[in-house]
Amino acid sequence: MLKQSTRKTDTDIMKFFFRANHRQAFTLVEIMIVIAIIGLLCAVAIPNYVRARANSQASACINNLRKIEDASGQYAIEHGKSVGDPVSLNRDLTPYIALNSNHKLPACPAGGTYGIESIGDTPICSLGSTVLPAHITP
């Protein structure tokens, strides 16, 4: 007499897990929990992204202000100017500053404009301390 196998076949296992009356779907509560978790992650991530963007814009602006100040010093040395002599950012200092891909002076990434009145002055950004972090050279 042949012994019958007690081992379940693949079809028996499939029938057990996929019964006709057992639905494979997410409940409304489960979906709401997932959406709440995603919302919480966004609430944490977005302010950090905004803060990082503002910090990088301020750093780029301050670096541009330093370049303008260095260009002012180079212009003064090459043209025999002294402290207090007027200087034009666009006319006098352009040859001493690396231009961007549009062949223009670098602009403030936050939308401000740069200015310098005379040799020895600290260049300024129009945004200055109106934004955080401030666009002022230390």
Protein backbone atom coordinates (compact mmCIF):
# COMPACT_ATOMS: atom_id res chain seq x y z
CA MET A 1 0.00 0.00 0.00
CA LEU A 2 1.26 3.43 -0.95
CA LYS A 3 1.66 5.93 1.76
CA GLN A 4 -0.07 9.23 1.10
CA SER A 5 2.06 12.32 1.43
CA THR A 6 1.08 14.70 4.20
CA ARG A 7 2.88 17.46 2.42
CA LYS A 8 0.61 20.19 1.12
CA THR A 9 0.77 21.01 -2.52
CA ASP A 10 1.30 24.48 -3.90
CA THR A 11 -2.32 24.79 -4.86
CA ASP A 12 -3.43 24.02 -1.31
CA ILE A 13 -1.17 26.77 0.02
CA MET A 14 -2.42 29.25 -2.57
CA LYS A 15 -6.02 28.44 -1.68
CA PHE A 16 -5.29 29.08 1.98
CA PHE A 17 -3.76 32.52 1.42
CA PHE A 18 -6.09 33.72 -1.32
CA ARG A 19 -9.56 32.80 -0.24
CA ALA A 20 -12.42 34.20 -2.25
CA ASN A 21 -13.80 36.11 0.69
CA HIS A 22 -10.43 37.60 1.80
CA ARG A 23 -9.74 40.96 0.10
CA GLN A 24 -6.17 42.18 -0.44
CA ALA A 25 -6.51 45.95 0.01
CA PHE A 26 -5.48 48.76 2.33
CA THR A 27 -8.00 50.16 4.75
CA LEU A 28 -8.76 53.84 4.96
CA VAL A 29 -7.06 54.05 8.35
CA GLU A 30 -3.84 52.55 6.98
CA ILE A 31 -3.80 55.01 4.09
CA MET A 32 -4.42 57.94 6.47
CA ILE A 33 -1.55 56.84 8.71
CA VAL A 34 0.84 56.70 5.72
CA ILE A 35 -0.28 60.17 4.59
CA ALA A 36 0.21 61.53 8.12
CA ILE A 37 3.75 60.13 8.25
CA ILE A 38 4.59 61.66 4.86
CA GLY A 39 3.17 65.00 6.03
CA LEU A 40 5.27 64.86 9.19
CA LEU A 41 8.42 64.16 7.18
CA CYS A 42 7.63 67.11 4.87
CA ALA A 43 7.02 69.37 7.87
CA VAL A 44 10.52 68.55 9.12
CA ALA A 45 12.33 68.62 5.76
CA ILE A 46 10.97 71.77 4.09
CA PRO A 47 12.12 74.30 6.74
CA ASN A 48 15.58 72.74 6.73
CA TYR A 49 15.70 73.01 2.94
CA VAL A 50 14.68 76.69 3.05
CA ARG A 51 17.27 77.45 5.74
CA ALA A 52 20.04 75.67 3.80
CA ARG A 53 19.11 77.58 0.64
CA ALA A 54 19.19 80.95 2.46
CA ASN A 55 22.58 80.11 4.00
CA SER A 56 24.07 79.15 0.64
CA GLN A 57 22.71 82.32 -0.99
CA ALA A 58 24.22 84.46 1.77
CA SER A 59 27.59 82.70 1.45
CA ALA A 60 27.63 83.21 -2.32
CA CYS A 61 26.69 86.88 -1.91
CA ILE A 62 29.42 87.48 0.68
CA ASN A 63 31.98 85.79 -1.58
CA ASN A 64 30.91 88.07 -4.44
CA LEU A 65 31.29 91.10 -2.15
CA ARG A 66 34.83 89.95 -1.27
CA LYS A 67 35.65 89.63 -4.98
CA ILE A 68 34.42 93.19 -5.56
CA GLU A 69 36.52 94.46 -2.65
CA ASP A 70 39.61 92.65 -3.99
CA ALA A 71 38.96 94.03 -7.49
CA SER A 72 38.73 97.52 -6.03
CA GLY A 73 42.14 97.10 -4.42
CA GLN A 74 43.70 95.77 -7.63
CA TYR A 75 42.21 98.64 -9.64
CA ALA A 76 43.56 101.18 -7.14
CA ILE A 77 47.08 99.72 -7.29
CA GLU A 78 47.21 99.51 -11.09
CA HIS A 79 45.77 102.99 -11.69
CA GLY A 80 47.49 104.84 -8.83
CA LYS A 81 44.22 105.60 -7.01
CA SER A 82 44.04 106.29 -3.30
CA VAL A 83 41.44 105.67 -0.63
CA GLY A 84 38.36 107.78 -1.22
CA ASP A 85 38.71 108.08 -5.01
CA PRO A 86 35.43 107.24 -6.77
CA VAL A 87 35.12 103.91 -8.53
CA SER A 88 32.47 102.44 -10.81
CA LEU A 89 31.59 98.79 -10.37
CA ASN A 90 30.57 98.21 -13.98
CA ARG A 91 33.12 100.42 -15.75
CA ASP A 92 36.26 100.21 -13.60
CA LEU A 93 36.11 96.89 -11.80
CA THR A 94 34.74 94.56 -14.50
CA PRO A 95 38.20 93.59 -15.84
CA TYR A 96 39.25 92.47 -12.34
CA ILE A 97 36.28 90.21 -11.57
CA ALA A 98 35.64 86.82 -13.14
CA LEU A 99 32.50 87.16 -15.24
CA ASN A 100 29.71 84.58 -15.27
CA SER A 101 28.67 82.52 -18.30
CA ASN A 102 26.64 85.48 -19.65
CA HIS A 103 29.79 87.68 -19.57
CA LYS A 104 28.31 89.81 -16.79
CA LEU A 105 29.33 90.53 -13.23
CA PRO A 106 28.10 87.91 -10.75
CA ALA A 107 24.72 88.81 -9.29
CA CYS A 108 23.43 88.28 -5.79
CA PRO A 109 21.72 84.86 -5.81
CA ALA A 110 18.91 86.22 -3.63
CA GLY A 111 18.11 89.02 -6.09
CA GLY A 112 20.02 91.92 -4.53
CA THR A 113 22.30 94.37 -6.35
CA TYR A 114 25.89 95.25 -5.52
CA GLY A 115 27.38 98.66 -5.13
CA ILE A 116 30.62 100.40 -4.18
CA GLU A 117 31.15 104.15 -4.04
CA SER A 118 34.87 104.68 -3.65
CA ILE A 119 38.21 102.96 -3.17
CA GLY A 120 38.52 101.62 0.37
CA ASP A 121 34.76 101.37 0.93
CA THR A 122 33.20 98.04 1.76
CA PRO A 123 30.98 96.91 -1.10
CA ILE A 124 27.34 96.44 -0.18
CA CYS A 125 24.45 94.28 -1.27
CA SER A 126 21.07 95.99 -1.50
CA LEU A 127 19.59 93.24 0.68
CA GLY A 128 22.14 93.90 3.44
CA SER A 129 20.68 92.98 6.80
CA THR A 130 17.06 92.82 5.61
CA VAL A 131 17.37 89.05 5.14
CA LEU A 132 18.61 86.29 7.39
CA PRO A 133 21.44 85.47 7.29
CA ALA A 134 22.63 88.96 6.43
CA HIS A 135 24.42 89.69 3.15
CA ILE A 136 27.17 91.73 4.78
CA THR A 137 30.91 91.09 4.73
CA PRO A 138 32.20 90.43 8.23
